[in-house]
Every structure is written in structure tokens, then in C-alpha cells.
Amino acid sequence: MNNDLRPETMEKEWMRPLYHHIRGIRTLQEHQLDNIFRQMEINLGGLHQNPQAIGEVIHKLRAGDKKYTRYIRGEAIHIVDEHDQTVGITEAGLAHLFRLRHRTSNAFVFSPEGKLVLQRRVHNKRFPLYLTTFGGHTKATQTYKEAAEEEIYEELYLSKPPQGEFVEYKGRERVHEDYYDIPSDNNLEIRALYFYQLTPDEWKQVDRMRRRLLAEASKRSLHEYSVWIEEQQRNRSGYGEVWSIEVAPLDALMNAKQGAVWIPEMDRVADIYYYTIECVYGGNPAQDIAYFTPDLLDRFIRAPTVREALQDVMSSRYALEA
């Protein structure tokens, strides 16, 4: 068994193969799975996790329990303490399942005209069809800014990494003071928040992709569009990262309504902000309620200082001093 603890090696040896097996990209034989789960057990044991809990998670993953498999990403991320100091490395989904603090980067993205560009999450990821910003885990090999750049590049289907200016919100400590930590939440993170305005050329690419996704949805029923998204994910065609790209004036988010909704990922009912979206499936126009992701966009919008910072950006003042 390889004891190389570099993130690239860990991803190659067991993280990506497990992800590919779960997603049906490449099926592993039983002895290969045994080896992967042994490495996982060693990894989590080194992070001082309970052996019984480790065994239960391995059992659920082996059985294909979607409540557990949906978290697995095949990416190595750093585990950090409350001061953002690295204490270990594990797979991104395991950090969620074992409530291990890790790093993420997120960005509010604006069109050149100043409208917010948002995404609806795909149906087969956590918080399906919820409305959110762009971002994700900060990989073990990345800085916060590099992670934000990569997520915008991938999720907005840009032809090259973002070329515009990133403005960071007040520092990561303020993000948590202002809105983030909730004791009952299993998603324990240190978050960096950025504001990014697309260049005119980038916006042309984004709008072209937005229209393409709308056109694909309009030709299919809701179920057929879900199947199409999954096909794009398997084929790695460049599609399938998001369900749709939405554009909205800032006021629409600031004045969003709230509604009670059952959140399976949190096992509770919560009052969450939502935004009504015009959509077409199978040629039939409809209005769809898109709830804000409860672990991200909903909390951003609830935070007075984040709302103030968004308004500053919109007025082109960028008054984001620490």
C-alpha cells in the first residue's frame, strides 16, 4: 500500500477511483474497493475519527447509499483548525460526512451591466436545483483565489481562466463573524468570499451558454433534461456542471421572499429565501421556485454587512476595507 501523503498521490490512488466507481464512470472490482476503503480507514484514523463511525460510513459507501455517495468528489482538500492552519488532508466529501473543518472559495459574479449571475445546482448534487453563487472547495494544491478562479472558469464554461479583477470581502474571519457558523450544520468551513465582474468577452460566452441550456431544457421534459445533464456529466462534454445560469438584478435578491421548506441534507424544515424563475420544459412555460442554498446564498443575503458590500460593488465604490 502506498504511504505517499501528497494530495496528488492520494487522489490518484483512492479518491478519484472511488468517485469514478460511485458515478459509474469506471466500475471497480471487489478487491480494488477493499484496498480503497483500507486507505480511507487509515486516512480518517490519522485525523482522529471514531473507528465505529468510519466503519459505518464505509459500509454505506460500499452499499451505494445515495445519502453518503453524493458527497464524494474525488478531490483532496486540507483539514484546518479554527485559525485556518492545516492539520491534515482528506477527500472533500469525507470532510462533510465527518464534519471536518475545511476551506472553500465563493464569488458573487456580475455581468458588465451590473446584474448578478447565479447558477441553479444540478439535480444530482447536494441542494438540487437550489439557487447559489459560484465556488466550491479549495483543493489542497490551491490558494483561495486560485480556487475561486477555477470554479468560475468551470461553472461558467469560460474558454480561459477569468481575466478581470477579484475583490475579496473583508477577510475570511469577518465572513464567519457576520453570517456563517451554525452549530447544527455538518458543513464546517472556512470561506473566502470574492466579487468578480465578467469582462465583455466573458459575458458573451456566459450568455451563449445560458441560452444553450435554456434551449436544451425547452426541448425536453423535466425528467428528460435531467437525463441529458447526466449524459453530459458522463461524457465530460463541458456541460453538466450547472442546471441553468440565471441573471437577476440585485434588488430581486435583496427583496426575495421566504418560505418554509424541508431540507433533506439538514434533516429539518427551515425558512429559506427564494426567487421565482421563468422556465420552459418540453415547450411549456412555467414559473419555478428556486430556493437559495441554505449553507451559502441564503446566509449571504441574511448578513447585513454582505448585503452592504454587494450594494457597494453595484455602485462601483468597492468600499470593502477590512
Protein backbone atom coordinates (compact mmCIF):
# COMPACT_ATOMS: atom_id res chain seq x y z
CA MET A 1 0.00 0.00 0.00
CA ASN A 2 1.35 3.45 -0.94
CA ASN A 3 2.09 5.68 2.08
CA ASP A 4 2.71 8.79 -0.02
CA LEU A 5 0.58 11.52 1.58
CA ARG A 6 0.89 14.09 -1.17
CA PRO A 7 -2.59 15.22 -2.32
CA GLU A 8 -1.90 14.31 -5.96
CA THR A 9 -0.94 10.77 -4.97
CA MET A 10 -3.92 10.32 -2.64
CA GLU A 11 -6.30 11.45 -5.38
CA LYS A 12 -4.74 9.04 -7.88
CA GLU A 13 -4.54 6.07 -5.51
CA TRP A 14 -8.03 6.06 -3.98
CA MET A 15 -10.03 9.30 -4.11
CA ARG A 16 -10.67 9.55 -7.85
CA PRO A 17 -11.14 5.80 -8.36
CA LEU A 18 -13.80 5.82 -5.65
CA TYR A 19 -15.53 8.81 -7.23
CA HIS A 20 -15.46 7.16 -10.69
CA HIS A 21 -16.87 3.94 -9.24
CA ILE A 22 -19.70 5.75 -7.48
CA ARG A 23 -20.58 7.74 -10.61
CA GLY A 24 -20.47 4.68 -12.84
CA ILE A 25 -17.57 6.02 -14.90
CA ARG A 26 -15.32 3.06 -14.13
CA THR A 27 -16.52 0.10 -12.06
CA LEU A 28 -14.02 -1.35 -9.59
CA GLN A 29 -13.65 -4.99 -8.61
CA GLU A 30 -14.24 -6.02 -5.02
CA HIS A 31 -10.55 -6.34 -4.12
CA GLN A 32 -9.92 -2.86 -5.52
CA LEU A 33 -12.70 -1.44 -3.36
CA ASP A 34 -11.26 -3.24 -0.35
CA ASN A 35 -7.92 -1.54 -0.94
CA ILE A 36 -9.55 1.88 -1.32
CA PHE A 37 -11.53 1.52 1.88
CA ARG A 38 -8.41 0.39 3.77
CA GLN A 39 -6.65 3.56 2.67
CA MET A 40 -9.68 5.61 3.64
CA GLU A 41 -9.74 3.99 7.07
CA ILE A 42 -6.04 4.80 7.61
CA ASN A 43 -6.56 8.38 6.42
CA LEU A 44 -9.51 9.07 8.72
CA GLY A 45 -7.83 7.31 11.63
CA GLY A 46 -4.93 9.72 11.23
CA LEU A 47 -7.45 12.54 11.64
CA HIS A 48 -8.59 11.01 14.97
CA GLN A 49 -12.02 9.93 13.77
CA ASN A 50 -14.04 7.29 15.63
CA PRO A 51 -13.35 3.79 14.21
CA GLN A 52 -17.02 2.81 14.55
CA ALA A 53 -18.10 5.92 12.62
CA ILE A 54 -15.50 5.19 9.95
CA GLY A 55 -16.81 1.65 9.60
CA GLU A 56 -20.40 2.84 9.26
CA VAL A 57 -19.52 5.34 6.52
CA ILE A 58 -17.52 2.71 4.63
CA HIS A 59 -20.49 0.32 4.87
CA LYS A 60 -22.84 2.98 3.48
CA LEU A 61 -20.47 3.86 0.63
CA ARG A 62 -19.95 0.21 -0.25
CA ALA A 63 -23.74 -0.30 -0.32
CA GLY A 64 -24.19 2.70 -2.64
CA ASP A 65 -26.32 4.68 -0.18
CA LYS A 66 -27.00 7.94 -2.00
CA LYS A 67 -27.19 9.90 1.26
CA TYR A 68 -23.46 9.20 1.52
CA THR A 69 -22.22 8.69 -2.04
CA ARG A 70 -23.49 12.08 -3.21
CA TYR A 71 -20.82 13.78 -1.10
CA ILE A 72 -17.83 12.07 -2.68
CA ARG A 73 -15.93 14.33 -5.10
CA GLY A 74 -12.58 12.59 -5.62
CA GLU A 75 -10.68 15.71 -4.54
CA ALA A 76 -8.05 16.09 -1.83
CA ILE A 77 -8.58 19.06 0.49
CA HIS A 78 -6.85 20.36 3.59
CA ILE A 79 -8.42 19.97 7.01
CA VAL A 80 -7.81 23.08 9.09
CA ASP A 81 -8.28 24.32 12.65
CA GLU A 82 -10.32 27.36 13.69
CA HIS A 83 -7.34 29.58 12.82
CA ASP A 84 -7.13 28.21 9.26
CA GLN A 85 -3.95 26.23 9.98
CA THR A 86 -3.61 22.92 8.11
CA VAL A 87 -3.89 19.82 10.32
CA GLY A 88 -4.36 17.11 7.68
CA ILE A 89 -5.68 16.05 4.27
CA THR A 90 -8.74 14.00 3.26
CA GLU A 91 -11.29 13.58 0.48
CA ALA A 92 -13.69 16.52 0.13
CA GLY A 93 -16.88 14.53 0.72
CA LEU A 94 -15.47 12.85 3.80
CA ALA A 95 -14.84 16.27 5.30
CA HIS A 96 -18.60 16.83 5.13
CA LEU A 97 -19.55 13.38 6.38
CA PHE A 98 -17.24 13.66 9.40
CA ARG A 99 -17.76 17.38 9.99
CA LEU A 100 -14.11 18.28 9.48
CA ARG A 101 -13.32 21.97 9.01
CA HIS A 102 -12.02 22.74 5.52
CA ARG A 103 -11.57 25.63 3.08
CA THR A 104 -13.90 26.87 0.36
CA SER A 105 -13.93 29.83 -2.01
CA ASN A 106 -17.04 31.57 -3.34
CA ALA A 107 -17.74 34.52 -5.59
CA PHE A 108 -20.61 36.81 -6.46
CA VAL A 109 -20.32 37.26 -10.23
CA PHE A 110 -21.66 40.30 -12.09
CA SER A 111 -22.35 40.94 -15.75
CA PRO A 112 -20.72 44.04 -17.32
CA GLU A 113 -24.09 45.79 -16.87
CA GLY A 114 -24.08 45.05 -13.15
CA LYS A 115 -26.59 42.22 -12.92
CA LEU A 116 -25.92 39.23 -10.71
CA VAL A 117 -25.05 35.99 -12.48
CA LEU A 118 -26.12 32.94 -10.47
CA GLN A 119 -26.43 29.21 -11.00
CA ARG A 120 -29.00 26.57 -10.21
CA ARG A 121 -27.32 23.47 -8.89
CA VAL A 122 -27.71 20.27 -10.88
CA HIS A 123 -30.31 17.76 -9.71
CA ASN A 124 -27.82 15.08 -8.59
CA LYS A 125 -25.72 17.17 -6.21
CA ARG A 126 -26.33 18.49 -2.71
CA PHE A 127 -29.21 21.01 -2.63
CA PRO A 128 -30.55 20.09 -6.09
CA LEU A 129 -31.97 22.95 -8.19
CA TYR A 130 -31.24 25.48 -5.44
CA LEU A 131 -30.01 28.92 -6.49
CA THR A 132 -26.47 29.83 -5.46
CA THR A 133 -23.27 31.70 -6.22
CA PHE A 134 -20.18 30.21 -7.85
CA GLY A 135 -17.49 28.43 -5.91
CA GLY A 136 -16.51 25.26 -4.17
CA HIS A 137 -13.81 23.50 -2.22
CA THR A 138 -10.32 24.90 -2.10
CA LYS A 139 -8.20 21.94 -3.18
CA ALA A 140 -5.11 21.01 -1.21
CA THR A 141 -2.92 22.36 -4.03
CA GLN A 142 -4.72 25.73 -4.34
CA THR A 143 -4.90 29.16 -2.75
CA TYR A 144 -8.34 30.62 -2.03
CA LYS A 145 -8.14 32.91 -5.06
CA GLU A 146 -6.99 30.10 -7.36
CA ALA A 147 -9.97 28.03 -6.25
CA ALA A 148 -12.41 30.88 -6.96
CA GLU A 149 -10.86 31.39 -10.40
CA GLU A 150 -11.13 27.71 -11.25
CA GLU A 151 -14.76 27.44 -10.14
CA ILE A 152 -15.81 30.47 -12.22
CA TYR A 153 -13.86 29.14 -15.19
CA GLU A 154 -15.51 25.70 -14.99
CA GLU A 155 -19.03 26.53 -13.87
CA LEU A 156 -19.47 29.42 -16.31
CA TYR A 157 -17.88 27.47 -19.21
CA LEU A 158 -15.26 30.14 -19.96
CA SER A 159 -12.68 29.48 -22.67
CA LYS A 160 -9.83 30.53 -20.36
CA PRO A 161 -9.40 31.50 -16.68
CA PRO A 162 -11.06 34.77 -15.58
CA GLN A 163 -9.23 37.85 -16.79
CA GLY A 164 -10.95 40.51 -14.67
CA GLU A 165 -10.34 41.82 -11.16
CA PHE A 166 -11.26 39.93 -8.00
CA VAL A 167 -12.17 41.89 -4.88
CA GLU A 168 -12.10 39.97 -1.60
CA TYR A 169 -14.73 40.60 1.04
CA LYS A 170 -13.22 41.88 4.30
CA GLY A 171 -11.19 38.77 5.08
CA ARG A 172 -12.24 35.26 5.99
CA GLU A 173 -12.61 35.97 9.69
CA ARG A 174 -15.30 38.55 9.01
CA VAL A 175 -17.23 36.10 6.84
CA HIS A 176 -17.70 33.84 9.85
CA GLU A 177 -18.40 36.63 12.32
CA ASP A 178 -21.04 38.03 10.01
CA TYR A 179 -23.03 35.03 8.95
CA TYR A 180 -21.64 31.60 8.70
CA ASP A 181 -21.17 29.35 11.72
CA ILE A 182 -24.32 27.45 12.72
CA PRO A 183 -23.82 24.80 15.44
CA SER A 184 -26.29 22.29 13.93
CA ASP A 185 -24.72 22.40 10.45
CA ASN A 186 -22.50 19.47 9.46
CA ASN A 187 -20.73 21.59 6.86
CA LEU A 188 -17.87 23.17 8.82
CA GLU A 189 -15.88 25.54 6.63
CA ILE A 190 -13.52 28.48 6.42
CA ARG A 191 -14.85 30.50 3.50
CA ALA A 192 -13.31 33.16 1.31
CA LEU A 193 -15.78 35.44 -0.49
CA TYR A 194 -14.96 37.40 -3.63
CA PHE A 195 -16.74 39.77 -6.01
CA TYR A 196 -15.97 39.40 -9.70
CA GLN A 197 -17.22 41.33 -12.76
CA LEU A 198 -17.12 39.47 -16.06
CA THR A 199 -15.32 41.11 -18.96
CA PRO A 200 -17.46 41.85 -22.04
CA ASP A 201 -15.96 38.85 -23.85
CA GLU A 202 -16.56 36.57 -20.86
CA TRP A 203 -20.15 37.73 -20.63
CA LYS A 204 -20.71 36.84 -24.31
CA GLN A 205 -19.52 33.31 -23.57
CA VAL A 206 -21.66 33.03 -20.45
CA ASP A 207 -24.77 34.35 -22.17
CA ARG A 208 -24.24 31.96 -25.07
CA MET A 209 -24.07 29.04 -22.63
CA ARG A 210 -27.07 30.35 -20.67
CA ARG A 211 -29.13 30.38 -23.86
CA ARG A 212 -27.88 26.92 -24.86
CA LEU A 213 -29.01 25.41 -21.55
CA LEU A 214 -32.40 27.13 -21.89
CA ALA A 215 -32.78 25.73 -25.39
CA GLU A 216 -31.89 22.19 -24.29
CA ALA A 217 -34.41 22.38 -21.42
CA SER A 218 -37.18 23.73 -23.66
CA LYS A 219 -36.90 20.66 -25.92
CA ARG A 220 -37.27 18.21 -23.05
CA SER A 221 -39.48 17.36 -20.12
CA LEU A 222 -38.03 17.91 -16.65
CA HIS A 223 -37.05 14.24 -16.43
CA GLU A 224 -35.58 14.19 -19.94
CA TYR A 225 -33.50 17.27 -19.16
CA SER A 226 -32.20 15.55 -16.01
CA VAL A 227 -31.14 12.58 -18.14
CA TRP A 228 -29.44 14.93 -20.63
CA ILE A 229 -27.49 16.62 -17.82
CA GLU A 230 -26.31 13.23 -16.56
CA GLU A 231 -25.20 12.27 -20.06
CA GLN A 232 -23.12 15.44 -20.29
CA GLN A 233 -21.54 14.66 -16.93
CA ARG A 234 -20.57 11.14 -18.03
CA ASN A 235 -19.29 12.32 -21.40
CA ARG A 236 -17.39 15.22 -19.82
CA SER A 237 -18.66 17.36 -22.66
CA GLY A 238 -18.21 20.62 -20.76
CA TYR A 239 -21.90 20.69 -19.89
CA GLY A 240 -23.47 19.27 -16.75
CA GLU A 241 -21.74 21.50 -14.20
CA VAL A 242 -24.90 23.52 -13.57
CA TRP A 243 -28.63 23.10 -14.19
CA SER A 244 -29.04 26.63 -15.52
CA ILE A 245 -27.40 30.05 -15.45
CA GLU A 246 -29.65 32.78 -14.08
CA VAL A 247 -29.32 36.55 -14.34
CA ALA A 248 -31.08 38.84 -11.91
CA PRO A 249 -30.91 42.43 -10.68
CA LEU A 250 -29.54 42.75 -7.17
CA ASP A 251 -32.87 44.11 -5.91
CA ALA A 252 -34.54 40.81 -6.77
CA LEU A 253 -32.31 39.04 -4.27
CA MET A 254 -32.40 41.78 -1.67
CA ASN A 255 -36.22 41.73 -1.72
CA ALA A 256 -36.59 37.95 -2.02
CA LYS A 257 -39.40 36.23 -0.14
CA GLN A 258 -39.05 33.49 2.44
CA GLY A 259 -40.78 30.14 2.57
CA ALA A 260 -40.67 27.04 4.75
CA VAL A 261 -39.11 24.05 3.02
CA TRP A 262 -37.96 20.60 4.12
CA ILE A 263 -34.20 20.26 3.59
CA PRO A 264 -33.20 16.57 3.48
CA GLU A 265 -29.48 17.43 3.68
CA MET A 266 -30.08 19.12 7.04
CA ASP A 267 -32.95 16.88 8.17
CA ARG A 268 -35.16 19.81 9.16
CA VAL A 269 -37.64 22.41 7.95
CA ALA A 270 -36.23 25.92 7.52
CA ASP A 271 -37.40 29.31 6.33
CA ILE A 272 -35.30 29.94 3.24
CA TYR A 273 -35.21 32.84 0.82
CA TYR A 274 -36.36 32.03 -2.71
CA TYR A 275 -36.61 33.63 -6.13
CA THR A 276 -39.19 32.82 -8.81
CA ILE A 277 -37.65 31.83 -12.13
CA GLU A 278 -39.29 31.75 -15.55
CA CYS A 279 -38.50 28.45 -17.27
CA VAL A 280 -39.65 26.23 -20.14
CA TYR A 281 -39.64 22.42 -20.16
CA GLY A 282 -40.88 20.48 -23.17
CA GLY A 283 -42.16 23.69 -24.74
CA ASN A 284 -44.36 24.52 -21.74
CA PRO A 285 -43.65 27.83 -19.99
CA ALA A 286 -43.75 27.72 -16.21
CA GLN A 287 -42.67 29.51 -13.07
CA ASP A 288 -40.30 27.65 -10.79
CA ILE A 289 -39.44 28.49 -7.19
CA ALA A 290 -35.68 28.39 -6.70
CA TYR A 291 -34.70 28.34 -3.04
CA PHE A 292 -31.37 29.84 -2.05
CA THR A 293 -28.79 27.31 -0.88
CA PRO A 294 -29.21 27.30 2.92
CA ASP A 295 -25.50 26.87 3.56
CA LEU A 296 -24.43 29.72 1.27
CA LEU A 297 -26.61 32.16 -0.68
CA ASP A 298 -29.34 32.26 1.97
CA ARG A 299 -26.78 33.12 4.65
CA PHE A 300 -25.06 35.71 2.49
CA ILE A 301 -28.34 37.51 1.88
CA ARG A 302 -29.18 37.44 5.59
CA ALA A 303 -25.88 39.08 6.57
CA PRO A 304 -26.24 42.89 6.77
CA THR A 305 -22.56 43.53 6.05
CA VAL A 306 -22.56 41.23 2.99
CA ARG A 307 -25.67 43.00 1.68
CA GLU A 308 -23.93 46.33 2.22
CA ALA A 309 -20.83 45.12 0.40
CA LEU A 310 -22.94 43.95 -2.54
CA GLN A 311 -24.55 47.38 -2.76
CA ASP A 312 -21.11 48.99 -2.64
CA VAL A 313 -19.98 46.85 -5.56
CA MET A 314 -23.09 47.75 -7.51
CA SER A 315 -22.39 51.43 -7.02
CA SER A 316 -18.81 50.82 -8.23
CA ARG A 317 -17.31 52.09 -4.99
CA TYR A 318 -15.79 48.77 -3.87
CA ALA A 319 -15.81 50.06 -0.30
CA LEU A 320 -14.65 46.72 1.11
CA GLU A 321 -11.96 47.76 3.56
CA ALA A 322 -11.18 45.37 6.38
